[in-house]
Amino acid sequence: MADVQTVKGNDAASAGPAAPRTEWDWNRILTPRIVFLMLPVVLLTLWAYWYPLWRWETIWRGSAAWNHGYLIPLIAILIAHFRLKELNPRRIEPSLWGLPIIMAGLVIRIWSQTLKYGYPGEVTFLIVAAGVVILLLGWPMFKVLWIPVFYLGLMIPWDAKYYDSVALPLQTLSAAATEKFLVLLGMQVDRQVNVLQLASGPLTIAEACSGLHLLFAFVALGIMMAFSYRRALWERLVIIGSSVPIAVFCNFVRVTLMAISSDGLFFEREKVASGAATWSNWKPGFIWNMFPGTDLVDKLVKFRENVLNPESYLHQGFGFAMLGLAFVLMWGELRLIDMLFVEEEETPARPGRAKR
């Protein structure tokens, strides 16, 4: 009787729905033995690229255009976690095919250093990282982790000639768009390439205001948001692709606000100098104490200089505000996609689309 029940139970199990797939568990795959075997290879890779890594960190620390580089490895780990949870590879299958890939990356690096081409040699870090993943974890894991591996490319500072070739057109675009908008507002403005001649004086759309570093940061943010949840491929491409126009728009907003602030503070100084009662006369004293000067006119001058100084915290605050604006725009885009294209919970999901 027990045998009959067992058979019936097996038949019911086979006829019923399949058992739920086991979720990804780091402890199931990365055992202490596997980690111990991985550690020497990872350390040797970092040692082989110690100079580029040190140089990158120096640039991250000293350049506002690349200070997002500190976050890229952390976000790459986060994306790797989301990808592993989504695709759930069963096991690690180390492959010796990783060795020729590593060797190819190192040969290209040596060749580029010999010919004094530093930047191509530094990009080989991505090739070597891909080879290390294949060597230690295998092709099935690389198919899951190739996105976070190449995502690390966003932390590699560009060579100056490549950076300038993209930054200059963005500077001109920002200046032209701001000029047209300020004219619509009735402001006095004249543009000469990337310099806006305002009533308060020239406003140069410098490299720091080109929007290129916003573009890097927003693309990094877009990729992270695209892979935070299971989504169809077209949705992910739309989210990542939209980060480019969002970056251009946010930079236009930033430059416009700077121009309006520059003229606003200039005319405010003129009113204060003439003895007229204006808004600045009623502001708490501790606000103006942050800016050096003997009287309110001098403080307003210093305030304007602080707003336009790319190295000042106030100027950089515009960039952080734009990052928040980009996050809101991308979040709204995700909600719109969910409202228009994602099926309800009770509706069976089509292949390639998860229910949320």
Protein backbone atom coordinates (compact mmCIF):
# COMPACT_ATOMS: atom_id res chain seq x y z
CA MET A 1 0.00 0.00 0.00
CA ALA A 2 2.85 2.29 0.84
CA ASP A 3 4.37 1.49 -2.58
CA VAL A 4 1.12 2.38 -4.29
CA GLN A 5 0.95 5.67 -2.40
CA THR A 6 4.53 6.41 -3.32
CA VAL A 7 3.83 5.77 -6.99
CA LYS A 8 0.72 7.93 -6.83
CA GLY A 9 2.69 10.63 -5.12
CA ASN A 10 5.35 10.48 -7.81
CA ASP A 11 2.71 10.59 -10.53
CA ALA A 12 1.09 13.61 -8.89
CA ALA A 13 4.42 15.32 -8.58
CA SER A 14 5.19 14.67 -12.24
CA ALA A 15 1.76 15.84 -13.31
CA GLY A 16 1.83 18.93 -11.11
CA PRO A 17 3.75 22.16 -11.68
CA ALA A 18 7.53 22.00 -11.76
CA ALA A 19 9.37 22.65 -8.53
CA PRO A 20 10.36 26.29 -8.12
CA ARG A 21 13.87 27.05 -9.22
CA THR A 22 16.37 27.50 -6.44
CA GLU A 23 17.34 31.13 -5.98
CA TRP A 24 20.92 32.23 -6.37
CA ASP A 25 22.93 31.73 -3.22
CA TRP A 26 26.47 33.09 -3.03
CA ASN A 27 27.40 30.58 -0.31
CA ARG A 28 26.37 27.68 -2.54
CA ILE A 29 28.84 28.66 -5.27
CA LEU A 30 31.63 30.66 -3.64
CA THR A 31 32.85 28.14 -1.11
CA PRO A 32 36.02 28.87 0.91
CA ARG A 33 37.98 26.50 -1.34
CA ILE A 34 36.88 28.29 -4.52
CA VAL A 35 37.66 31.69 -3.00
CA PHE A 36 41.10 30.47 -1.91
CA LEU A 37 41.84 29.34 -5.48
CA MET A 38 40.56 32.61 -6.98
CA LEU A 39 42.45 34.94 -4.70
CA PRO A 40 45.98 34.50 -6.17
CA VAL A 41 44.76 35.08 -9.74
CA VAL A 42 42.81 38.19 -8.75
CA LEU A 43 45.77 39.60 -6.80
CA LEU A 44 48.16 38.94 -9.71
CA THR A 45 45.79 40.78 -12.06
CA LEU A 46 45.61 43.78 -9.74
CA TRP A 47 49.40 43.73 -9.38
CA ALA A 48 49.85 43.66 -13.18
CA TYR A 49 47.69 46.78 -13.47
CA TRP A 50 48.79 48.56 -10.32
CA TYR A 51 50.10 51.61 -12.19
CA PRO A 52 46.94 52.22 -14.31
CA LEU A 53 44.79 51.69 -11.19
CA TRP A 54 46.89 54.20 -9.25
CA ARG A 55 46.73 56.70 -12.12
CA TRP A 56 42.95 56.32 -12.44
CA GLU A 57 42.47 56.93 -8.74
CA THR A 58 44.59 60.08 -8.98
CA ILE A 59 42.40 61.36 -11.83
CA TRP A 60 39.19 60.44 -9.98
CA ARG A 61 40.37 62.43 -6.99
CA GLY A 62 41.54 65.46 -8.93
CA SER A 63 38.96 65.79 -11.73
CA ALA A 64 35.24 66.48 -11.36
CA ALA A 65 34.75 64.83 -14.76
CA TRP A 66 35.86 61.44 -13.40
CA ASN A 67 35.03 61.40 -9.70
CA HIS A 68 32.21 58.96 -10.44
CA GLY A 69 34.96 56.36 -10.98
CA TYR A 70 34.96 55.48 -7.28
CA LEU A 71 31.37 54.21 -7.55
CA ILE A 72 31.72 52.16 -10.74
CA PRO A 73 33.28 49.01 -9.15
CA LEU A 74 30.62 49.05 -6.40
CA ILE A 75 27.79 49.43 -8.91
CA ALA A 76 29.35 46.67 -11.07
CA ILE A 77 29.15 44.32 -8.08
CA LEU A 78 25.53 45.34 -7.57
CA ILE A 79 24.69 44.65 -11.24
CA ALA A 80 26.48 41.29 -10.99
CA HIS A 81 24.28 40.41 -8.02
CA PHE A 82 21.10 41.33 -9.91
CA ARG A 83 22.22 39.33 -12.96
CA LEU A 84 23.05 36.27 -10.88
CA LYS A 85 19.69 36.45 -9.10
CA GLU A 86 17.92 36.79 -12.45
CA LEU A 87 19.70 34.09 -14.48
CA ASN A 88 20.86 31.84 -11.61
CA PRO A 89 23.76 29.84 -13.14
CA ARG A 90 23.95 26.38 -11.67
CA ARG A 91 27.63 25.89 -11.05
CA ILE A 92 31.16 27.10 -11.68
CA GLU A 93 32.93 25.46 -14.64
CA PRO A 94 36.47 26.92 -14.91
CA SER A 95 37.77 27.07 -18.46
CA LEU A 96 41.36 27.19 -19.67
CA TRP A 97 40.17 29.35 -22.57
CA GLY A 98 40.54 32.23 -20.15
CA LEU A 99 44.35 31.93 -20.31
CA PRO A 100 44.77 32.91 -24.00
CA ILE A 101 42.35 35.80 -23.47
CA ILE A 102 44.42 37.03 -20.51
CA MET A 103 47.64 36.62 -22.49
CA ALA A 104 46.17 38.52 -25.47
CA GLY A 105 45.23 41.43 -23.19
CA LEU A 106 48.70 41.53 -21.64
CA VAL A 107 50.42 41.35 -25.04
CA ILE A 108 48.35 44.29 -26.32
CA ARG A 109 49.21 46.23 -23.18
CA ILE A 110 52.95 45.59 -23.57
CA TRP A 111 52.73 46.54 -27.27
CA SER A 112 50.90 49.80 -26.50
CA GLN A 113 53.39 50.73 -23.78
CA THR A 114 56.29 50.02 -26.13
CA LEU A 115 54.78 52.38 -28.73
CA LYS A 116 53.88 54.96 -26.06
CA TYR A 117 50.13 54.46 -26.53
CA GLY A 118 49.05 54.48 -22.92
CA TYR A 119 45.26 54.59 -23.25
CA PRO A 120 44.74 51.44 -25.41
CA GLY A 121 46.98 49.55 -23.02
CA GLU A 122 44.87 50.60 -20.04
CA VAL A 123 41.63 49.49 -21.74
CA THR A 124 43.09 45.95 -21.93
CA PHE A 125 42.17 45.77 -18.24
CA LEU A 126 38.66 44.83 -19.43
CA ILE A 127 40.01 42.05 -21.68
CA VAL A 128 42.10 40.63 -18.84
CA ALA A 129 39.16 40.90 -16.41
CA ALA A 130 36.98 38.96 -18.88
CA GLY A 131 39.70 36.31 -19.20
CA VAL A 132 39.97 36.01 -15.42
CA VAL A 133 36.20 35.45 -15.13
CA ILE A 134 36.29 32.76 -17.83
CA LEU A 135 39.36 31.09 -16.31
CA LEU A 136 38.00 30.99 -12.77
CA LEU A 137 34.23 30.73 -13.31
CA GLY A 138 33.73 29.45 -16.85
CA TRP A 139 31.70 30.41 -19.91
CA PRO A 140 28.23 29.95 -18.32
CA MET A 141 29.12 32.44 -15.59
CA PHE A 142 30.71 34.83 -18.10
CA LYS A 143 27.47 34.89 -20.10
CA VAL A 144 25.85 36.20 -16.92
CA LEU A 145 28.64 38.53 -15.79
CA TRP A 146 29.89 40.07 -19.06
CA ILE A 147 27.78 43.20 -18.50
CA PRO A 148 29.28 44.12 -15.08
CA VAL A 149 32.75 43.20 -16.38
CA PHE A 150 32.61 45.66 -19.29
CA TYR A 151 30.70 48.15 -17.13
CA LEU A 152 34.07 48.73 -15.45
CA GLY A 153 35.08 50.56 -18.62
CA LEU A 154 33.15 53.59 -17.35
CA MET A 155 35.77 54.09 -14.65
CA ILE A 156 38.71 54.32 -17.10
CA PRO A 157 39.55 57.99 -17.83
CA TRP A 158 39.68 58.79 -21.51
CA ASP A 159 42.79 60.00 -23.27
CA ALA A 160 42.74 63.80 -23.56
CA LYS A 161 42.38 63.87 -27.35
CA TYR A 162 39.33 61.57 -27.25
CA TYR A 163 37.78 63.47 -24.36
CA ASP A 164 38.25 66.88 -26.01
CA SER A 165 36.82 65.67 -29.33
CA VAL A 166 33.53 64.88 -27.57
CA ALA A 167 33.54 67.63 -24.92
CA LEU A 168 33.88 70.55 -27.35
CA PRO A 169 30.73 69.75 -29.39
CA LEU A 170 28.81 69.28 -26.14
CA GLN A 171 30.04 72.66 -24.88
CA THR A 172 28.84 74.32 -28.09
CA LEU A 173 25.49 72.50 -27.91
CA SER A 174 24.93 73.58 -24.31
CA ALA A 175 25.83 77.19 -25.13
CA ALA A 176 23.55 77.31 -28.21
CA ALA A 177 20.55 75.79 -26.42
CA THR A 178 20.99 78.10 -23.42
CA GLU A 179 21.28 81.16 -25.68
CA LYS A 180 17.98 80.42 -27.44
CA PHE A 181 16.16 79.80 -24.15
CA LEU A 182 17.50 82.96 -22.49
CA VAL A 183 16.44 85.02 -25.51
CA LEU A 184 12.93 83.62 -25.11
CA LEU A 185 13.01 84.80 -21.49
CA GLY A 186 13.89 88.29 -22.70
CA MET A 187 17.44 88.31 -21.35
CA GLN A 188 20.31 90.09 -23.05
CA VAL A 189 22.66 87.43 -24.42
CA ASP A 190 25.07 86.98 -27.29
CA ARG A 191 26.98 83.76 -28.02
CA GLN A 192 30.49 83.37 -29.39
CA VAL A 193 31.10 79.62 -29.86
CA ASN A 194 30.99 78.42 -26.23
CA VAL A 195 31.00 81.84 -24.49
CA LEU A 196 27.74 83.55 -23.54
CA GLN A 197 27.98 87.31 -23.29
CA LEU A 198 25.44 88.23 -20.58
CA ALA A 199 24.55 91.57 -19.06
CA SER A 200 26.66 90.50 -16.08
CA GLY A 201 29.65 89.60 -18.23
CA PRO A 202 30.95 86.57 -20.14
CA LEU A 203 29.89 83.08 -19.07
CA THR A 204 32.25 80.48 -20.51
CA ILE A 205 30.86 76.99 -21.00
CA ALA A 206 34.10 75.36 -19.99
CA GLU A 207 35.07 71.70 -20.10
CA ALA A 208 33.58 71.20 -16.64
CA CYS A 209 30.22 72.43 -17.97
CA SER A 210 30.31 70.47 -21.21
CA GLY A 211 28.06 67.81 -19.72
CA LEU A 212 30.39 64.96 -20.65
CA HIS A 213 31.00 63.96 -17.04
CA LEU A 214 27.23 64.13 -16.49
CA LEU A 215 26.87 61.88 -19.52
CA PHE A 216 29.22 59.28 -18.03
CA ALA A 217 27.46 59.41 -14.67
CA PHE A 218 23.98 59.19 -16.20
CA VAL A 219 24.88 56.31 -18.52
CA ALA A 220 26.26 54.48 -15.48
CA LEU A 221 23.01 55.23 -13.62
CA GLY A 222 20.91 54.12 -16.62
CA ILE A 223 22.69 50.77 -16.91
CA MET A 224 22.25 50.13 -13.19
CA MET A 225 18.52 50.92 -13.34
CA ALA A 226 18.07 48.82 -16.49
CA PHE A 227 19.47 45.72 -14.83
CA SER A 228 18.01 46.17 -11.36
CA TYR A 229 14.93 44.15 -12.34
CA ARG A 230 14.12 41.49 -14.88
CA ARG A 231 13.06 43.33 -18.02
CA ALA A 232 12.70 42.70 -21.74
CA LEU A 233 15.76 43.57 -23.84
CA TRP A 234 14.03 46.46 -25.63
CA GLU A 235 13.11 48.03 -22.27
CA ARG A 236 16.71 47.89 -21.12
CA LEU A 237 17.96 49.40 -24.37
CA VAL A 238 15.41 52.22 -24.10
CA ILE A 239 16.42 52.99 -20.50
CA ILE A 240 20.15 52.99 -21.30
CA GLY A 241 19.70 54.96 -24.53
CA SER A 242 17.51 57.58 -22.84
CA SER A 243 20.33 58.39 -20.41
CA VAL A 244 22.11 60.30 -23.22
CA PRO A 245 19.32 62.84 -24.00
CA ILE A 246 18.57 63.09 -20.27
CA ALA A 247 22.22 64.03 -19.64
CA VAL A 248 22.12 66.65 -22.41
CA PHE A 249 18.85 68.07 -21.06
CA CYS A 250 20.08 68.19 -17.45
CA ASN A 251 23.26 69.96 -18.52
CA PHE A 252 21.17 72.51 -20.45
CA VAL A 253 19.15 73.11 -17.26
CA ARG A 254 22.33 73.54 -15.22
CA VAL A 255 23.94 76.04 -17.62
CA THR A 256 20.66 77.96 -17.87
CA LEU A 257 20.36 78.21 -14.09
CA MET A 258 23.95 79.42 -13.85
CA ALA A 259 23.30 82.14 -16.46
CA ILE A 260 20.12 83.28 -14.71
CA SER A 261 21.90 83.28 -11.34
CA SER A 262 24.80 85.28 -12.78
CA ASP A 263 22.55 88.01 -14.16
CA GLY A 264 20.25 87.92 -11.15
CA LEU A 265 23.09 88.50 -8.70
CA PHE A 266 24.59 91.17 -10.96
CA PHE A 267 21.36 93.21 -11.06
CA GLU A 268 20.83 92.61 -7.34
CA ARG A 269 24.26 94.12 -6.65
CA GLU A 270 23.33 97.15 -8.76
CA LYS A 271 20.12 97.66 -6.77
CA VAL A 272 21.91 97.34 -3.43
CA ALA A 273 24.60 99.80 -4.55
CA SER A 274 21.89 102.33 -5.48
CA GLY A 275 20.31 102.01 -2.02
CA ALA A 276 17.10 100.29 -3.15
CA ALA A 277 15.38 97.83 -0.78
CA THR A 278 15.68 94.35 -2.29
CA TRP A 279 15.38 90.73 -1.22
CA SER A 280 19.06 90.52 -0.20
CA ASN A 281 18.51 93.14 2.52
CA TRP A 282 16.11 90.81 4.30
CA LYS A 283 18.12 87.61 4.16
CA PRO A 284 19.58 86.32 7.49
CA GLY A 285 23.08 87.55 8.14
CA PHE A 286 24.62 84.10 8.52
CA ILE A 287 23.98 83.42 4.80
CA TRP A 288 26.03 86.41 3.69
CA ASN A 289 28.71 85.65 6.28
CA MET A 290 29.68 82.65 4.17
CA PHE A 291 31.05 85.03 1.56
CA PRO A 292 33.95 87.42 2.30
CA GLY A 293 33.44 91.14 1.78
CA THR A 294 33.19 94.42 3.65
CA ASP A 295 29.57 95.11 2.75
CA LEU A 296 26.59 93.50 1.04
CA VAL A 297 27.71 94.63 -2.41
CA ASP A 298 31.05 92.84 -2.01
CA LYS A 299 29.31 89.75 -0.67
CA LEU A 300 27.01 89.61 -3.70
CA VAL A 301 30.06 89.87 -5.98
CA LYS A 302 31.72 86.97 -4.13
CA PHE A 303 28.46 85.04 -4.23
CA ARG A 304 28.31 85.35 -8.02
CA GLU A 305 31.97 84.37 -8.39
CA ASN A 306 31.33 81.34 -6.21
CA VAL A 307 28.39 80.25 -8.35
CA LEU A 308 30.49 80.46 -11.54
CA ASN A 309 33.63 78.85 -10.10
CA PRO A 310 33.73 75.17 -11.24
CA GLU A 311 35.81 74.26 -8.16
CA SER A 312 33.36 75.68 -5.62
CA TYR A 313 30.95 73.50 -3.64
CA LEU A 314 28.08 75.74 -4.68
CA HIS A 315 28.85 75.26 -8.37
CA GLN A 316 29.24 71.50 -7.91
CA GLY A 317 25.92 71.53 -6.10
CA PHE A 318 24.31 72.26 -9.47
CA GLY A 319 25.76 68.96 -10.70
CA PHE A 320 24.40 66.99 -7.75
CA ALA A 321 21.00 68.61 -8.26
CA MET A 322 21.06 67.52 -11.90
CA LEU A 323 21.93 63.98 -10.84
CA GLY A 324 18.81 64.02 -8.68
CA LEU A 325 16.78 65.38 -11.59
CA ALA A 326 18.11 62.59 -13.85
CA PHE A 327 17.16 59.97 -11.27
CA VAL A 328 13.61 61.38 -11.10
CA LEU A 329 13.32 61.40 -14.91
CA MET A 330 14.58 57.82 -15.21
CA TRP A 331 12.30 56.67 -12.40
CA GLY A 332 9.35 58.30 -14.19
CA GLU A 333 10.40 56.55 -17.39
CA LEU A 334 10.43 53.18 -15.63
CA ARG A 335 6.98 53.80 -14.15
CA LEU A 336 5.65 54.79 -17.58
CA ILE A 337 7.03 51.61 -19.15
CA ASP A 338 5.47 49.55 -16.35
CA MET A 339 2.09 51.25 -16.78
CA LEU A 340 1.96 50.86 -20.57
CA PHE A 341 3.68 47.56 -21.26
CA VAL A 342 3.94 45.38 -18.13
CA GLU A 343 1.11 42.91 -17.63
CA GLU A 344 -0.91 42.59 -14.46
CA GLU A 345 -0.01 40.03 -11.83
CA GLU A 346 -2.92 37.72 -12.65
CA THR A 347 -2.12 37.71 -16.37
CA PRO A 348 0.39 35.05 -17.46
CA ALA A 349 3.57 36.75 -18.51
CA ARG A 350 4.79 36.38 -22.08
CA PRO A 351 8.25 34.93 -22.67
CA GLY A 352 10.97 37.44 -21.94
CA ARG A 353 8.81 39.53 -19.58
CA ALA A 354 8.55 39.00 -15.85
CA LYS A 355 5.50 39.91 -13.81
CA ARG A 356 6.08 42.71 -11.38
